[in-house]
Protein backbone atom coordinates (compact mmCIF):
# COMPACT_ATOMS: atom_id res chain seq x y z
CA UNK A 1 0.05 0.27 -0.16
CA UNK A 2 1.13 3.46 -0.99
CA UNK A 3 1.58 6.11 1.68
CA UNK A 4 -0.43 9.14 2.17
CA UNK A 5 -0.22 12.04 4.40
CA UNK A 6 -4.16 11.40 5.30
CA UNK A 7 -5.80 9.07 7.16
CA UNK A 8 -8.63 6.89 5.21
CA UNK A 9 -12.18 7.00 5.63
CA UNK A 10 -12.93 3.53 6.31
CA UNK A 11 -16.09 1.68 5.13
CA UNK A 12 -17.14 -1.20 7.26
CA UNK A 13 -19.05 -3.76 4.96
CA UNK A 14 -20.45 -6.88 4.78
CA UNK A 15 -23.94 -8.55 5.35
CA UNK A 16 -26.11 -8.07 8.02
CA UNK A 17 -25.08 -9.64 11.49
CA UNK A 18 -21.35 -9.64 10.36
CA UNK A 19 -20.54 -7.27 13.10
CA UNK A 20 -20.02 -4.01 11.08
CA UNK A 21 -21.51 -1.83 13.83
CA UNK A 22 -19.72 -3.08 16.74
CA UNK A 23 -16.09 -3.33 14.83
CA UNK A 24 -16.74 0.36 13.60
CA UNK A 25 -17.71 1.39 17.10
CA UNK A 26 -14.47 -0.30 18.24
CA UNK A 27 -12.50 1.16 15.93
CA UNK A 28 -13.62 4.85 16.39
CA UNK A 29 -13.34 4.43 20.19
CA UNK A 30 -9.52 3.37 19.82
CA UNK A 31 -8.82 5.97 17.35
CA UNK A 32 -10.96 8.95 18.12
CA UNK A 33 -12.12 9.08 14.78
CA UNK A 34 -15.82 10.31 13.83
CA UNK A 35 -18.23 7.22 13.18
CA UNK A 36 -21.36 7.03 11.24
CA UNK A 37 -23.94 4.33 11.23
CA UNK A 38 -25.16 3.67 7.76
CA UNK A 39 -28.54 2.01 8.60
CA UNK A 40 -29.12 5.30 10.44
CA UNK A 41 -29.13 7.30 7.25
CA UNK A 42 -31.92 5.01 5.21
CA UNK A 43 -34.96 6.67 4.23
CA UNK A 44 -37.92 5.87 6.17
CA UNK A 45 -39.50 3.90 3.42
CA UNK A 46 -36.58 1.63 3.29
CA UNK A 47 -36.44 0.95 6.80
CA UNK A 48 -40.05 -0.05 6.68
CA UNK A 49 -39.73 -2.15 3.74
CA UNK A 50 -37.05 -4.19 5.54
CA UNK A 51 -39.13 -4.40 8.90
CA UNK A 52 -41.94 -6.02 6.46
CA UNK A 53 -39.43 -8.66 5.94
CA UNK A 54 -38.72 -7.35 1.92
CA UNK A 55 -35.33 -7.06 0.61
CA UNK A 56 -34.33 -3.42 -0.67
CA UNK A 57 -34.18 -2.90 -4.44
CA UNK A 58 -31.29 -1.04 -6.32
CA UNK A 59 -33.88 1.73 -6.85
CA UNK A 60 -34.36 1.90 -2.84
CA UNK A 61 -30.42 1.76 -2.43
CA UNK A 62 -29.40 4.50 -4.66
CA UNK A 63 -30.72 7.79 -2.46
CA UNK A 64 -29.12 5.84 0.72
CA UNK A 65 -25.95 5.32 -1.03
CA UNK A 66 -26.03 8.81 -2.25
CA UNK A 67 -26.36 10.13 1.52
CA UNK A 68 -23.25 8.16 2.48
CA UNK A 69 -21.34 9.23 -0.41
CA UNK A 70 -21.81 12.60 0.42
CA UNK A 71 -20.51 11.77 4.14
CA UNK A 72 -17.61 10.10 2.83
CA UNK A 73 -16.87 12.93 0.39
CA UNK A 74 -17.10 15.62 3.28
CA UNK A 75 -14.62 13.80 5.35
CA UNK A 76 -12.07 13.21 2.80
CA UNK A 77 -12.24 16.73 1.44
CA UNK A 78 -12.10 18.08 4.75
CA UNK A 79 -8.89 15.53 5.57
CA UNK A 80 -10.69 14.36 8.41
CA UNK A 81 -10.50 10.61 9.09
CA UNK A 82 -13.56 8.75 9.66
CA UNK A 83 -15.45 5.33 9.84
CA UNK A 84 -18.87 4.33 8.27
CA UNK A 85 -20.99 1.60 8.05
CA UNK A 86 -22.50 0.20 4.94
CA UNK A 87 -23.35 -3.33 3.63
CA UNK A 88 -22.02 -2.15 0.05
CA UNK A 89 -22.98 -5.86 -1.02
CA UNK A 90 -22.45 -5.31 -4.82
CA UNK A 91 -19.43 -3.67 -6.67
CA UNK A 92 -21.82 -1.31 -8.39
CA UNK A 93 -22.74 0.05 -4.89
CA UNK A 94 -19.01 0.63 -3.46
CA UNK A 95 -18.16 2.36 -7.07
CA UNK A 96 -20.47 5.11 -5.66
CA UNK A 97 -18.79 5.14 -2.26
CA UNK A 98 -15.15 4.38 -3.42
CA UNK A 99 -12.59 7.14 -4.14
CA UNK A 100 -9.02 8.45 -3.29
CA UNK A 101 -8.51 8.26 0.79
CA UNK A 102 -11.38 5.50 1.05
CA UNK A 103 -10.96 2.06 2.15
CA UNK A 104 -13.51 -0.90 2.49
CA UNK A 105 -12.83 -3.37 5.35
CA UNK A 106 -14.60 -6.35 4.35
CA UNK A 107 -16.10 -8.44 7.28
CA UNK A 108 -16.80 -11.93 5.67
CA UNK A 109 -17.99 -14.89 7.51
CA UNK A 110 -20.00 -18.14 6.59
CA UNK A 111 -23.89 -18.19 6.47
CA UNK A 112 -24.13 -20.59 9.26
CA UNK A 113 -21.93 -18.02 11.65
CA UNK A 114 -23.87 -14.99 10.83
CA UNK A 115 -27.17 -16.80 10.84
CA UNK A 116 -26.27 -17.66 14.85
CA UNK A 117 -25.11 -14.02 15.38
CA UNK A 118 -28.51 -12.91 13.78
CA UNK A 119 -30.73 -15.15 15.59
CA UNK A 120 -28.93 -13.50 19.10
CA UNK A 121 -29.34 -10.12 17.86
CA UNK A 122 -32.56 -7.95 19.47
CA UNK A 123 -34.06 -4.35 18.08
CA UNK A 124 -32.73 -4.27 14.67
CA UNK A 125 -34.92 -3.63 11.91
CA UNK A 126 -33.29 -6.15 9.39
CA UNK A 127 -34.74 -9.64 10.32
CA UNK A 128 -32.99 -12.73 10.00
CA UNK A 129 -35.18 -13.86 7.19
CA UNK A 130 -33.34 -11.50 4.87
CA UNK A 131 -29.92 -13.04 5.35
CA UNK A 132 -30.15 -15.17 2.15
CA UNK A 133 -30.94 -12.49 -0.07
CA UNK A 134 -27.88 -10.63 1.66
CA UNK A 135 -25.56 -13.52 0.56
CA UNK A 136 -27.41 -13.67 -2.58
CA UNK A 137 -26.56 -10.12 -3.83
CA UNK A 138 -23.02 -10.05 -2.03
CA UNK A 139 -20.14 -9.88 -4.71
CA UNK A 140 -16.99 -9.96 -2.90
CA UNK A 141 -14.55 -6.97 -3.20
CA UNK A 142 -11.90 -7.65 -6.19
CA UNK A 143 -8.28 -6.49 -6.47
CA UNK A 144 -8.95 -3.41 -8.12
CA UNK A 145 -11.19 -2.20 -5.21
CA UNK A 146 -9.19 -0.43 -2.07
CA UNK A 147 -9.72 -3.12 0.59
CA UNK A 148 -8.93 -5.67 3.13
CA UNK A 149 -11.16 -8.66 4.18
CA UNK A 150 -11.33 -10.18 7.64
CA UNK A 151 -13.09 -13.20 8.67
CA UNK A 152 -15.55 -12.78 11.65
CA UNK A 153 -14.06 -15.33 14.01
CA UNK A 154 -12.08 -13.25 16.59
CA UNK A 155 -13.73 -10.43 18.96
CA UNK A 156 -14.58 -7.18 17.82
CA UNK A 157 -11.65 -5.84 19.66
CA UNK A 158 -9.18 -7.99 17.74
CA UNK A 159 -10.97 -7.30 14.57
CA UNK A 160 -10.56 -3.66 15.29
CA UNK A 161 -6.80 -4.33 16.48
CA UNK A 162 -6.42 -6.39 12.75
CA UNK A 163 -7.10 -3.55 10.95
CA UNK A 164 -5.26 -0.72 12.82
CA UNK A 165 -2.38 -3.04 12.31
CA UNK A 166 -3.24 -3.93 8.52
CA UNK A 167 -3.93 -0.12 7.53
CA UNK A 168 -1.28 1.22 9.67
CA UNK A 169 -3.70 3.39 11.46
CA UNK A 170 -3.12 5.83 14.08
CA UNK A 171 -5.50 7.63 16.55
CA UNK A 172 -6.56 11.24 15.22
CA UNK A 173 -4.00 13.88 15.96
CA UNK A 174 -0.94 11.51 16.02
CA UNK A 175 1.56 12.32 13.42
CA UNK A 176 1.02 12.53 9.68
CA UNK A 177 2.19 9.49 7.69
CA UNK A 178 0.09 6.69 6.84
CA UNK A 179 0.62 3.42 5.18
CA UNK A 180 -2.59 3.47 3.65
CA UNK A 181 -3.23 3.92 0.07
């Protein structure tokens, strides 16, 4: 990875239940970076559709991805490192989000492991019944996308530490050199 003077904006991605929010929260706490929960940026109609057990269409996702993209660009342009969660399941969705200074962190796990996690999760609008549609839609990041992949087998703190180590990240306000491309 090439060195840059600016720390990145991380997009923590993966299917529902992969641990995006938890890992992102741990990372933000360790680094002191801005954090946004992508699910909180969904239009009300999207949330209602998912609560009703209906998978979102591409047409449903475009406005949401635009909001996330704007948030990312604001941070990149301001030179402010940040973290946002977003399923970003398809390459065409990540194409809307990617750019200079953006790194995708793909949390991957088996359908069985993720299903077990979802079964124990309460209070989230995304029902476990939609997990199959998420795996069906998932297009894993390719070599032309600036990303790292993590297997969701460790604790969230260990996964966050792995992200920090692999990307050479540092807390906000520390030094100016990074190994992130």
